Amino acid sequence: MMPRRILAAVVVFGLNGFYCVADEPRIENPSFEVDVFKNFPGIARMNGGKITGWQFTGQVGVNPFWTGAPQRTGPQRPFVDNGITPHGRQVALMQNRCTLSQSVTGLEAGKRYMVSYFENARQMRRGKEPPRLVVTLGGETIVSEHDVRCVDDPDRFTLPHDFVESARFVAQKDGSVDLVFRTTADGGVTVLVDQVTIDRAASE
């Protein structure tokens, strides 16, 4: 089964917090590998209250957590119950309505960019609605709100997470802008996110 791509309309916007020289854009801690959580079930507020490089609201965290922290032994992954982890050993989790965001620097005026990442959902009890996710940059939607599906059967880790590529967007000025992942469904549902990147898009 091939991973899907979800595209939104091309976005053009201005940027706040301008800089004289623009570096190549980058995502800090893109695969959520920096932090080592040790407390069940891996929610950030129960594990020091931060995720390196990211800001968040609500029930956001990292899985697996490690009973043998900081050596990363004894992995426990109550939210990661299907699919192959795209990169490294850890993923971000977003339960119910919450946000996960980062201020991305290094954008260059007139250049085209796109954001990509991998997504999956925790397996749900029968009858629950699927989780939903939308991605914005500078307040503009670059990945439309959509259902996030479970890529594999419960407790099976044979299929990859879905790859998602955003709309291409044009930076109007050098600077930084907020990248925000926002979940829009309640009921105990969980989205998993990994390997977030921002790249220069080829000119059309």
N, C-alpha and C. Protein backbone atom coordinates (compact mmCIF):
# COMPACT_ATOMS: atom_id res chain seq x y z
N MET A 1 0.85 -1.19 0.00
CA MET A 1 0.00 0.00 0.00
C MET A 1 0.89 1.24 0.00
N MET A 2 0.68 2.14 -0.94
CA MET A 2 1.49 3.34 -1.04
C MET A 2 0.98 4.42 -0.08
N PRO A 3 1.89 5.15 0.58
CA PRO A 3 1.44 6.27 1.40
C PRO A 3 0.74 7.31 0.55
N ARG A 4 -0.19 8.03 1.14
CA ARG A 4 -0.93 9.04 0.39
C ARG A 4 -0.29 10.41 0.56
N ARG A 5 -0.65 11.31 -0.33
CA ARG A 5 -0.25 12.69 -0.22
C ARG A 5 -1.51 13.54 -0.13
N ILE A 6 -1.48 14.56 0.70
CA ILE A 6 -2.61 15.47 0.86
C ILE A 6 -2.12 16.86 0.50
N LEU A 7 -2.75 17.48 -0.47
CA LEU A 7 -2.30 18.78 -0.94
C LEU A 7 -3.37 19.83 -0.71
N ALA A 8 -2.96 21.05 -0.48
CA ALA A 8 -3.87 22.18 -0.38
C ALA A 8 -3.49 23.19 -1.45
N ALA A 9 -4.26 24.25 -1.57
CA ALA A 9 -3.98 25.27 -2.58
C ALA A 9 -2.65 25.96 -2.28
N VAL A 10 -2.01 26.47 -3.35
CA VAL A 10 -0.77 27.23 -3.19
C VAL A 10 -1.04 28.47 -2.36
N VAL A 11 -0.13 28.78 -1.44
CA VAL A 11 -0.31 29.87 -0.49
C VAL A 11 0.78 30.91 -0.70
N VAL A 12 0.40 32.18 -0.71
CA VAL A 12 1.35 33.29 -0.77
C VAL A 12 1.07 34.19 0.42
N PHE A 13 2.10 34.50 1.21
CA PHE A 13 1.86 35.31 2.40
C PHE A 13 3.11 36.08 2.77
N GLY A 14 2.93 37.09 3.62
CA GLY A 14 4.05 37.83 4.17
C GLY A 14 4.52 37.21 5.46
N LEU A 15 5.65 37.69 5.99
CA LEU A 15 6.25 37.11 7.17
C LEU A 15 6.54 38.19 8.19
N ASN A 16 6.40 37.83 9.47
CA ASN A 16 6.76 38.73 10.55
C ASN A 16 8.14 38.36 11.09
N GLY A 17 8.78 39.28 11.81
CA GLY A 17 10.08 39.01 12.40
C GLY A 17 11.15 38.91 11.33
N PHE A 18 11.33 39.92 10.50
CA PHE A 18 12.23 39.84 9.36
C PHE A 18 13.69 39.89 9.81
N TYR A 19 14.55 39.30 8.98
CA TYR A 19 15.97 39.29 9.22
C TYR A 19 16.68 39.82 7.97
N CYS A 20 17.86 40.37 8.16
CA CYS A 20 18.60 40.91 7.02
C CYS A 20 19.11 39.80 6.11
N VAL A 21 19.55 38.71 6.69
CA VAL A 21 20.07 37.59 5.90
C VAL A 21 19.26 36.36 6.22
N ALA A 22 18.79 35.66 5.19
CA ALA A 22 17.97 34.46 5.39
C ALA A 22 18.84 33.23 5.22
N ASP A 23 18.82 32.34 6.20
CA ASP A 23 19.50 31.06 6.11
C ASP A 23 18.55 30.04 5.50
N GLU A 24 19.10 28.87 5.19
CA GLU A 24 18.23 27.79 4.75
C GLU A 24 17.28 27.42 5.88
N PRO A 25 16.00 27.26 5.61
CA PRO A 25 15.06 26.92 6.68
C PRO A 25 15.33 25.53 7.23
N ARG A 26 15.03 25.35 8.49
CA ARG A 26 15.23 24.06 9.12
C ARG A 26 14.22 23.88 10.23
N ILE A 27 13.93 22.62 10.54
CA ILE A 27 13.07 22.25 11.66
C ILE A 27 13.95 21.71 12.78
N GLU A 28 13.83 22.25 13.98
CA GLU A 28 14.57 21.73 15.12
C GLU A 28 13.86 20.49 15.66
N ASN A 29 14.66 19.46 15.98
CA ASN A 29 14.11 18.21 16.52
C ASN A 29 12.99 17.69 15.64
N PRO A 30 13.25 17.47 14.35
CA PRO A 30 12.18 17.14 13.39
C PRO A 30 11.55 15.77 13.60
N SER A 31 12.30 14.84 14.20
CA SER A 31 11.78 13.49 14.41
C SER A 31 11.55 13.16 15.88
N PHE A 32 11.61 14.19 16.73
CA PHE A 32 11.24 14.07 18.15
C PHE A 32 12.10 13.05 18.89
N GLU A 33 13.41 13.05 18.53
CA GLU A 33 14.35 12.09 19.11
C GLU A 33 15.13 12.66 20.29
N VAL A 34 15.09 13.97 20.52
CA VAL A 34 15.98 14.60 21.49
C VAL A 34 15.62 14.23 22.93
N ASP A 35 14.34 14.30 23.27
CA ASP A 35 13.92 14.13 24.65
C ASP A 35 13.72 12.66 24.99
N VAL A 36 14.00 12.32 26.25
CA VAL A 36 13.79 10.97 26.75
C VAL A 36 12.77 11.03 27.88
N PHE A 37 11.56 10.58 27.61
CA PHE A 37 10.49 10.58 28.61
C PHE A 37 10.48 9.25 29.36
N LYS A 38 10.18 9.30 30.64
CA LYS A 38 10.19 8.07 31.44
C LYS A 38 8.87 7.80 32.14
N ASN A 39 7.95 8.77 32.12
CA ASN A 39 6.70 8.61 32.87
C ASN A 39 5.53 8.29 31.95
N PHE A 40 4.74 7.30 32.34
CA PHE A 40 3.54 6.87 31.63
C PHE A 40 2.56 8.04 31.53
N PRO A 41 1.88 8.19 30.35
CA PRO A 41 2.00 7.40 29.12
C PRO A 41 2.83 8.08 28.04
N GLY A 42 3.68 9.07 28.45
CA GLY A 42 4.50 9.79 27.48
C GLY A 42 4.00 11.18 27.16
N ILE A 43 3.07 11.72 27.96
CA ILE A 43 2.57 13.08 27.78
C ILE A 43 3.63 14.06 28.30
N ALA A 44 3.88 15.14 27.57
CA ALA A 44 4.98 16.05 27.91
C ALA A 44 4.81 16.68 29.28
N ARG A 45 3.60 17.07 29.64
CA ARG A 45 3.41 17.77 30.92
C ARG A 45 3.72 16.87 32.12
N MET A 46 3.79 15.55 31.90
CA MET A 46 4.16 14.61 32.95
C MET A 46 5.64 14.26 32.89
N ASN A 47 6.36 14.88 31.93
CA ASN A 47 7.77 14.56 31.71
C ASN A 47 8.59 15.83 31.51
N GLY A 48 8.45 16.76 32.44
CA GLY A 48 9.23 17.99 32.39
C GLY A 48 8.55 19.14 31.69
N GLY A 49 7.45 18.89 30.99
CA GLY A 49 6.65 19.96 30.43
C GLY A 49 7.18 20.59 29.16
N LYS A 50 8.11 19.92 28.45
CA LYS A 50 8.61 20.51 27.21
C LYS A 50 8.99 19.43 26.20
N ILE A 51 8.95 19.83 24.93
CA ILE A 51 9.49 19.03 23.83
C ILE A 51 10.47 19.94 23.10
N THR A 52 11.72 19.55 23.05
CA THR A 52 12.77 20.40 22.51
C THR A 52 12.41 20.92 21.11
N GLY A 53 12.46 22.24 20.96
CA GLY A 53 12.21 22.88 19.68
C GLY A 53 10.76 23.18 19.38
N TRP A 54 9.85 22.63 20.16
CA TRP A 54 8.43 22.73 19.85
C TRP A 54 7.67 23.37 21.00
N GLN A 55 6.58 24.05 20.67
CA GLN A 55 5.60 24.51 21.65
C GLN A 55 4.33 23.69 21.44
N PHE A 56 3.50 23.62 22.48
CA PHE A 56 2.30 22.81 22.36
C PHE A 56 1.23 23.28 23.33
N THR A 57 0.01 22.90 23.02
CA THR A 57 -1.11 23.04 23.94
C THR A 57 -1.82 21.70 24.01
N GLY A 58 -2.36 21.37 25.18
CA GLY A 58 -3.14 20.14 25.31
C GLY A 58 -2.29 18.91 25.53
N GLN A 59 -2.88 17.77 25.20
CA GLN A 59 -2.28 16.46 25.47
C GLN A 59 -1.32 16.08 24.35
N VAL A 60 -0.13 16.63 24.41
CA VAL A 60 0.91 16.36 23.41
C VAL A 60 2.09 15.69 24.11
N GLY A 61 2.74 14.76 23.44
CA GLY A 61 3.87 14.08 24.05
C GLY A 61 4.70 13.33 23.04
N VAL A 62 5.48 12.37 23.55
CA VAL A 62 6.37 11.56 22.72
C VAL A 62 6.24 10.11 23.15
N ASN A 63 6.20 9.22 22.18
CA ASN A 63 6.24 7.78 22.42
C ASN A 63 7.33 7.16 21.54
N PRO A 64 8.00 6.11 22.02
CA PRO A 64 7.80 5.50 23.33
C PRO A 64 8.37 6.35 24.47
N PHE A 65 7.87 6.06 25.70
CA PHE A 65 8.59 6.49 26.87
C PHE A 65 9.43 5.30 27.33
N TRP A 66 10.41 5.55 28.19
CA TRP A 66 11.42 4.54 28.49
C TRP A 66 11.48 4.27 29.99
N THR A 67 11.17 3.05 30.39
CA THR A 67 11.26 2.71 31.81
C THR A 67 12.71 2.71 32.27
N GLY A 68 13.64 2.53 31.34
CA GLY A 68 15.07 2.59 31.63
C GLY A 68 15.70 3.87 31.16
N ALA A 69 15.03 5.01 31.36
CA ALA A 69 15.60 6.31 30.99
C ALA A 69 16.74 6.65 31.95
N PRO A 70 17.79 7.36 31.49
CA PRO A 70 17.94 7.94 30.15
C PRO A 70 18.61 7.02 29.13
N GLN A 71 18.86 5.78 29.48
CA GLN A 71 19.56 4.87 28.57
C GLN A 71 18.67 4.38 27.42
N ARG A 72 17.37 4.72 27.45
CA ARG A 72 16.41 4.30 26.42
C ARG A 72 16.31 2.78 26.33
N THR A 73 16.10 2.18 27.49
CA THR A 73 15.78 0.77 27.56
C THR A 73 14.36 0.63 28.10
N GLY A 74 13.74 -0.51 27.84
CA GLY A 74 12.38 -0.73 28.28
C GLY A 74 11.38 0.18 27.62
N PRO A 75 11.35 0.23 26.27
CA PRO A 75 10.40 1.13 25.60
C PRO A 75 8.96 0.72 25.84
N GLN A 76 8.10 1.70 26.11
CA GLN A 76 6.67 1.50 26.26
C GLN A 76 5.97 2.47 25.30
N ARG A 77 5.05 1.96 24.50
CA ARG A 77 4.44 2.81 23.47
C ARG A 77 2.93 2.63 23.44
N PRO A 78 2.22 3.09 24.44
CA PRO A 78 0.78 2.90 24.48
C PRO A 78 0.03 3.60 23.34
N PHE A 79 0.61 4.64 22.76
CA PHE A 79 -0.07 5.35 21.67
C PHE A 79 0.38 4.86 20.29
N VAL A 80 1.54 4.24 20.21
CA VAL A 80 2.06 3.76 18.93
C VAL A 80 1.76 2.28 18.84
N ASP A 81 0.57 1.96 18.31
CA ASP A 81 0.13 0.57 18.32
C ASP A 81 -0.05 -0.02 16.93
N ASN A 82 0.52 0.67 15.91
CA ASN A 82 0.47 0.12 14.56
C ASN A 82 1.44 0.90 13.67
N GLY A 83 1.91 0.25 12.60
CA GLY A 83 2.74 0.92 11.61
C GLY A 83 4.22 1.01 11.98
N ILE A 84 5.03 1.25 10.96
CA ILE A 84 6.48 1.36 11.10
C ILE A 84 6.85 2.81 11.39
N THR A 85 7.60 3.06 12.45
CA THR A 85 8.05 4.41 12.76
C THR A 85 8.92 4.93 11.62
N PRO A 86 8.61 6.10 11.07
CA PRO A 86 9.32 6.56 9.87
C PRO A 86 10.81 6.84 10.06
N HIS A 87 11.18 7.44 11.20
CA HIS A 87 12.57 7.86 11.37
C HIS A 87 12.94 7.80 12.84
N GLY A 88 14.05 7.18 13.15
CA GLY A 88 14.46 7.04 14.54
C GLY A 88 13.56 6.08 15.28
N ARG A 89 13.39 6.32 16.58
CA ARG A 89 12.61 5.42 17.41
C ARG A 89 11.39 6.08 18.04
N GLN A 90 11.28 7.42 17.95
CA GLN A 90 10.23 8.14 18.65
C GLN A 90 9.37 8.92 17.67
N VAL A 91 8.12 9.16 18.07
CA VAL A 91 7.20 10.01 17.32
C VAL A 91 6.49 10.94 18.29
N ALA A 92 5.95 12.04 17.76
CA ALA A 92 5.10 12.92 18.57
C ALA A 92 3.69 12.38 18.57
N LEU A 93 2.98 12.57 19.68
CA LEU A 93 1.57 12.18 19.78
C LEU A 93 0.75 13.40 20.13
N MET A 94 -0.45 13.46 19.54
CA MET A 94 -1.38 14.56 19.76
C MET A 94 -2.75 13.95 20.06
N GLN A 95 -3.17 14.01 21.33
CA GLN A 95 -4.43 13.39 21.73
C GLN A 95 -5.51 14.45 21.89
N ASN A 96 -6.68 14.16 21.31
CA ASN A 96 -7.82 15.08 21.34
C ASN A 96 -7.44 16.40 20.68
N ARG A 97 -8.11 17.50 21.07
CA ARG A 97 -7.84 18.80 20.45
C ARG A 97 -6.60 19.42 21.08
N CYS A 98 -5.59 19.67 20.25
CA CYS A 98 -4.35 20.24 20.75
C CYS A 98 -3.56 20.84 19.59
N THR A 99 -2.44 21.47 19.90
CA THR A 99 -1.57 22.04 18.88
C THR A 99 -0.12 21.67 19.17
N LEU A 100 0.65 21.59 18.10
CA LEU A 100 2.09 21.37 18.15
C LEU A 100 2.70 22.34 17.15
N SER A 101 3.60 23.22 17.59
CA SER A 101 4.05 24.30 16.70
C SER A 101 5.52 24.60 16.90
N GLN A 102 6.08 25.27 15.87
CA GLN A 102 7.47 25.71 15.90
C GLN A 102 7.62 26.93 14.99
N SER A 103 8.43 27.90 15.41
CA SER A 103 8.74 29.05 14.58
C SER A 103 9.90 28.68 13.66
N VAL A 104 9.61 28.66 12.36
CA VAL A 104 10.60 28.24 11.35
C VAL A 104 11.30 29.49 10.82
N THR A 105 12.62 29.52 10.92
CA THR A 105 13.40 30.65 10.44
C THR A 105 14.10 30.31 9.13
N GLY A 106 14.67 31.34 8.51
CA GLY A 106 15.51 31.11 7.33
C GLY A 106 14.78 31.16 6.01
N LEU A 107 13.53 31.60 5.97
CA LEU A 107 12.82 31.72 4.69
C LEU A 107 13.32 32.93 3.91
N GLU A 108 13.37 32.79 2.61
CA GLU A 108 13.93 33.82 1.73
C GLU A 108 12.86 34.35 0.80
N ALA A 109 12.77 35.65 0.73
CA ALA A 109 11.74 36.30 -0.08
C ALA A 109 11.77 35.81 -1.52
N GLY A 110 10.58 35.49 -2.05
CA GLY A 110 10.43 35.09 -3.43
C GLY A 110 10.70 33.63 -3.70
N LYS A 111 11.18 32.89 -2.71
CA LYS A 111 11.47 31.47 -2.89
C LYS A 111 10.24 30.64 -2.52
N ARG A 112 10.13 29.49 -3.18
CA ARG A 112 9.01 28.57 -2.94
C ARG A 112 9.47 27.43 -2.04
N TYR A 113 8.62 27.06 -1.09
CA TYR A 113 8.93 26.01 -0.13
C TYR A 113 7.75 25.06 0.00
N MET A 114 8.02 23.91 0.62
CA MET A 114 6.94 23.02 1.03
C MET A 114 7.34 22.27 2.29
N VAL A 115 6.36 21.91 3.07
CA VAL A 115 6.53 21.16 4.30
C VAL A 115 6.08 19.73 4.05
N SER A 116 6.81 18.78 4.60
CA SER A 116 6.39 17.38 4.52
C SER A 116 6.54 16.73 5.89
N TYR A 117 5.81 15.66 6.11
CA TYR A 117 5.87 14.93 7.37
C TYR A 117 5.19 13.59 7.18
N PHE A 118 5.29 12.73 8.19
CA PHE A 118 4.59 11.45 8.21
C PHE A 118 3.53 11.47 9.30
N GLU A 119 2.39 10.83 9.03
CA GLU A 119 1.30 10.79 10.00
C GLU A 119 0.72 9.39 10.12
N ASN A 120 0.13 9.13 11.26
CA ASN A 120 -0.56 7.87 11.54
C ASN A 120 -1.56 8.17 12.66
N ALA A 121 -2.44 7.22 12.93
CA ALA A 121 -3.38 7.36 14.04
C ALA A 121 -3.29 6.13 14.95
N ARG A 122 -3.49 6.36 16.22
CA ARG A 122 -3.63 5.24 17.15
C ARG A 122 -4.91 4.48 16.80
N GLN A 123 -4.86 3.15 16.92
CA GLN A 123 -6.04 2.35 16.66
C GLN A 123 -7.15 2.74 17.64
N MET A 124 -8.40 2.79 17.12
CA MET A 124 -9.52 3.28 17.91
C MET A 124 -10.53 2.17 18.17
N ARG A 125 -11.28 2.32 19.25
CA ARG A 125 -12.37 1.38 19.49
C ARG A 125 -13.45 1.56 18.43
N ARG A 126 -14.12 0.48 18.12
CA ARG A 126 -15.16 0.52 17.09
C ARG A 126 -16.21 1.58 17.42
N GLY A 127 -16.61 2.33 16.40
CA GLY A 127 -17.64 3.33 16.57
C GLY A 127 -17.11 4.74 16.77
N LYS A 128 -15.80 4.88 17.04
CA LYS A 128 -15.24 6.21 17.23
C LYS A 128 -14.99 6.87 15.89
N GLU A 129 -15.15 8.19 15.87
CA GLU A 129 -14.77 8.95 14.70
C GLU A 129 -13.25 9.04 14.62
N PRO A 130 -12.68 9.11 13.43
CA PRO A 130 -11.23 9.20 13.31
C PRO A 130 -10.72 10.57 13.77
N PRO A 131 -9.45 10.65 14.16
CA PRO A 131 -8.88 11.97 14.46
C PRO A 131 -8.75 12.80 13.20
N ARG A 132 -8.68 14.12 13.37
CA ARG A 132 -8.54 15.02 12.24
C ARG A 132 -7.40 16.00 12.51
N LEU A 133 -6.73 16.39 11.43
CA LEU A 133 -5.54 17.22 11.54
C LEU A 133 -5.53 18.27 10.44
N VAL A 134 -5.08 19.48 10.77
CA VAL A 134 -4.87 20.54 9.79
C VAL A 134 -3.52 21.17 10.09
N VAL A 135 -2.81 21.60 9.04
CA VAL A 135 -1.48 22.21 9.21
C VAL A 135 -1.51 23.61 8.61
N THR A 136 -1.02 24.59 9.39
CA THR A 136 -0.97 25.97 8.91
C THR A 136 0.45 26.50 9.02
N LEU A 137 0.75 27.50 8.20
CA LEU A 137 2.02 28.21 8.24
C LEU A 137 1.72 29.69 8.13
N GLY A 138 2.10 30.45 9.14
CA GLY A 138 1.78 31.86 9.16
C GLY A 138 0.29 32.13 9.16
N GLY A 139 -0.50 31.21 9.72
CA GLY A 139 -1.94 31.36 9.77
C GLY A 139 -2.67 30.90 8.52
N GLU A 140 -1.94 30.51 7.49
CA GLU A 140 -2.55 30.05 6.24
C GLU A 140 -2.50 28.52 6.18
N THR A 141 -3.56 27.91 5.69
CA THR A 141 -3.63 26.45 5.60
C THR A 141 -2.75 25.95 4.47
N ILE A 142 -1.82 25.05 4.81
CA ILE A 142 -0.99 24.43 3.78
C ILE A 142 -1.29 22.94 3.62
N VAL A 143 -1.92 22.32 4.61
CA VAL A 143 -2.47 20.96 4.49
C VAL A 143 -3.90 21.03 5.02
N SER A 144 -4.86 20.75 4.16
CA SER A 144 -6.27 20.88 4.52
C SER A 144 -6.64 19.95 5.67
N GLU A 145 -7.65 20.35 6.43
CA GLU A 145 -8.16 19.49 7.50
C GLU A 145 -8.62 18.17 6.91
N HIS A 146 -8.23 17.07 7.54
CA HIS A 146 -8.50 15.75 6.97
C HIS A 146 -8.51 14.69 8.07
N ASP A 147 -9.18 13.56 7.78
CA ASP A 147 -9.11 12.40 8.67
C ASP A 147 -7.72 11.80 8.61
N VAL A 148 -7.22 11.36 9.75
CA VAL A 148 -5.95 10.65 9.82
C VAL A 148 -6.26 9.18 10.07
N ARG A 149 -5.83 8.33 9.18
CA ARG A 149 -6.18 6.92 9.26
C ARG A 149 -5.09 6.10 9.95
N CYS A 150 -5.48 4.97 10.52
CA CYS A 150 -4.53 3.99 11.02
C CYS A 150 -3.95 3.24 9.84
N VAL A 151 -2.64 3.18 9.72
CA VAL A 151 -2.04 2.58 8.53
C VAL A 151 -1.97 1.06 8.61
N ASP A 152 -2.07 0.49 9.79
CA ASP A 152 -1.90 -0.95 9.95
C ASP A 152 -2.93 -1.49 10.94
N ASP A 153 -3.03 -2.81 11.01
CA ASP A 153 -3.93 -3.45 11.97
C ASP A 153 -3.39 -3.29 13.38
N PRO A 154 -4.24 -3.49 14.40
CA PRO A 154 -3.78 -3.35 15.78
C PRO A 154 -2.58 -4.25 16.08
N ASP A 155 -1.56 -3.64 16.70
CA ASP A 155 -0.35 -4.36 17.12
C ASP A 155 0.39 -5.00 15.96
N ARG A 156 0.23 -4.43 14.76
CA ARG A 156 1.02 -4.85 13.60
C ARG A 156 1.89 -3.67 13.16
N PHE A 157 3.13 -3.99 12.84
CA PHE A 157 4.10 -2.96 12.51
C PHE A 157 4.80 -3.33 11.20
N THR A 158 3.95 -3.42 10.15
CA THR A 158 4.44 -3.87 8.85
C THR A 158 4.31 -2.82 7.76
N LEU A 159 3.47 -1.81 7.95
CA LEU A 159 3.20 -0.81 6.92
C LEU A 159 3.70 0.56 7.35
N PRO A 160 4.17 1.37 6.39
CA PRO A 160 4.71 2.70 6.74
C PRO A 160 3.62 3.69 7.09
N HIS A 161 3.98 4.70 7.85
CA HIS A 161 3.07 5.82 8.09
C HIS A 161 2.82 6.55 6.78
N ASP A 162 1.71 7.27 6.70
CA ASP A 162 1.39 8.02 5.49
C ASP A 162 2.30 9.24 5.35
N PHE A 163 2.81 9.43 4.15
CA PHE A 163 3.62 10.60 3.84
C PHE A 163 2.70 11.72 3.35
N VAL A 164 2.87 12.91 3.92
CA VAL A 164 2.04 14.07 3.57
C VAL A 164 2.94 15.19 3.10
N GLU A 165 2.60 15.79 1.98
CA GLU A 165 3.34 16.91 1.42
C GLU A 165 2.41 18.10 1.29
N SER A 166 2.83 19.25 1.78
CA SER A 166 1.96 20.42 1.82
C SER A 166 1.85 21.08 0.45
N ALA A 167 0.98 22.07 0.38
CA ALA A 167 0.99 22.98 -0.76
C ALA A 167 2.31 23.73 -0.80
N ARG A 168 2.75 24.08 -1.99
CA ARG A 168 3.91 24.97 -2.12
C ARG A 168 3.49 26.38 -1.74
N PHE A 169 4.39 27.10 -1.08
CA PHE A 169 4.08 28.47 -0.70
C PHE A 169 5.26 29.36 -1.04
N VAL A 170 4.99 30.64 -1.26
CA VAL A 170 6.00 31.62 -1.65
C VAL A 170 6.22 32.60 -0.50
N ALA A 171 7.45 32.69 -0.04
CA ALA A 171 7.78 33.66 1.01
C ALA A 171 7.89 35.05 0.40
N GLN A 172 7.15 36.02 0.95
CA GLN A 172 7.17 37.37 0.43
C GLN A 172 8.36 38.18 0.93
N LYS A 173 8.84 37.87 2.15
CA LYS A 173 9.98 38.57 2.72
C LYS A 173 10.81 37.57 3.52
N ASP A 174 12.09 37.94 3.74
CA ASP A 174 12.94 37.11 4.58
C ASP A 174 12.39 37.09 6.00
N GLY A 175 12.53 35.95 6.69
CA GLY A 175 12.12 35.95 8.08
C GLY A 175 11.72 34.61 8.62
N SER A 176 10.82 34.62 9.57
CA SER A 176 10.36 33.41 10.25
C SER A 176 8.84 33.39 10.28
N VAL A 177 8.31 32.21 10.48
CA VAL A 177 6.86 32.05 10.49
C VAL A 177 6.51 30.81 11.30
N ASP A 178 5.32 30.80 11.91
CA ASP A 178 4.93 29.69 12.77
C ASP A 178 4.29 28.56 11.97
N LEU A 179 4.84 27.38 12.15
CA LEU A 179 4.29 26.15 11.60
C LEU A 179 3.47 25.49 12.69
N VAL A 180 2.17 25.21 12.43
CA VAL A 180 1.28 24.71 13.47
C VAL A 180 0.54 23.46 12.98
N PHE A 181 0.66 22.37 13.73
CA PHE A 181 -0.17 21.19 13.57
C PHE A 181 -1.31 21.30 14.58
N ARG A 182 -2.55 21.16 14.11
CA ARG A 182 -3.71 21.31 15.02
C ARG A 182 -4.68 20.17 14.80
N THR A 183 -4.98 19.45 15.86
CA THR A 183 -5.99 18.39 15.81
C THR A 183 -7.35 18.97 16.18
N THR A 184 -8.41 18.41 15.61
CA THR A 184 -9.74 19.04 15.74
C THR A 184 -10.82 18.07 16.22
N ALA A 185 -10.45 16.92 16.74
CA ALA A 185 -11.44 15.94 17.21
C ALA A 185 -11.12 15.52 18.63
N ASP A 186 -12.17 15.25 19.41
CA ASP A 186 -12.03 14.75 20.78
C ASP A 186 -12.43 13.28 20.82
N GLY A 187 -12.60 12.77 22.05
CA GLY A 187 -13.05 11.39 22.21
C GLY A 187 -11.94 10.39 22.43
N GLY A 188 -10.75 10.86 22.80
CA GLY A 188 -9.65 9.94 23.07
C GLY A 188 -8.85 9.54 21.85
N VAL A 189 -9.10 10.18 20.72
CA VAL A 189 -8.38 9.83 19.49
C VAL A 189 -7.01 10.50 19.47
N THR A 190 -6.04 9.87 18.77
CA THR A 190 -4.66 10.33 18.80
C THR A 190 -4.05 10.31 17.41
N VAL A 191 -3.38 11.41 17.06
CA VAL A 191 -2.59 11.52 15.83
C VAL A 191 -1.11 11.36 16.19
N LEU A 192 -0.37 10.65 15.34
CA LEU A 192 1.07 10.50 15.48
C LEU A 192 1.76 11.24 14.35
N VAL A 193 2.81 12.00 14.66
CA VAL A 193 3.52 12.82 13.67
C VAL A 193 5.02 12.54 13.79
N ASP A 194 5.71 12.48 12.64
CA ASP A 194 7.15 12.23 12.66
C ASP A 194 7.82 12.85 11.44
N GLN A 195 9.13 13.09 11.57
CA GLN A 195 10.03 13.52 10.49
C GLN A 195 9.45 14.70 9.71
N VAL A 196 9.34 15.82 10.40
CA VAL A 196 8.82 17.06 9.81
C VAL A 196 9.97 17.78 9.11
N THR A 197 9.81 18.15 7.85
CA THR A 197 10.86 18.83 7.10
C THR A 197 10.26 20.00 6.33
N ILE A 198 11.11 20.99 6.02
CA ILE A 198 10.75 22.07 5.12
C ILE A 198 11.86 22.19 4.08
N ASP A 199 11.47 22.21 2.81
CA ASP A 199 12.45 22.18 1.72
C ASP A 199 12.12 23.23 0.68
N ARG A 200 13.16 23.69 -0.01
CA ARG A 200 12.98 24.57 -1.16
C ARG A 200 12.27 23.79 -2.26
N ALA A 201 11.20 24.36 -2.80
CA ALA A 201 10.45 23.70 -3.86
C ALA A 201 11.02 24.07 -5.21
N ALA A 202 11.01 23.12 -6.14
CA ALA A 202 11.48 23.37 -7.49
C ALA A 202 10.57 24.37 -8.18
N SER A 203 11.14 25.26 -8.99
CA SER A 203 10.34 26.23 -9.73
C SER A 203 9.56 25.53 -10.82
N GLU A 204 8.33 25.99 -11.01
CA GLU A 204 7.48 25.41 -12.04
C GLU A 204 7.56 26.23 -13.31
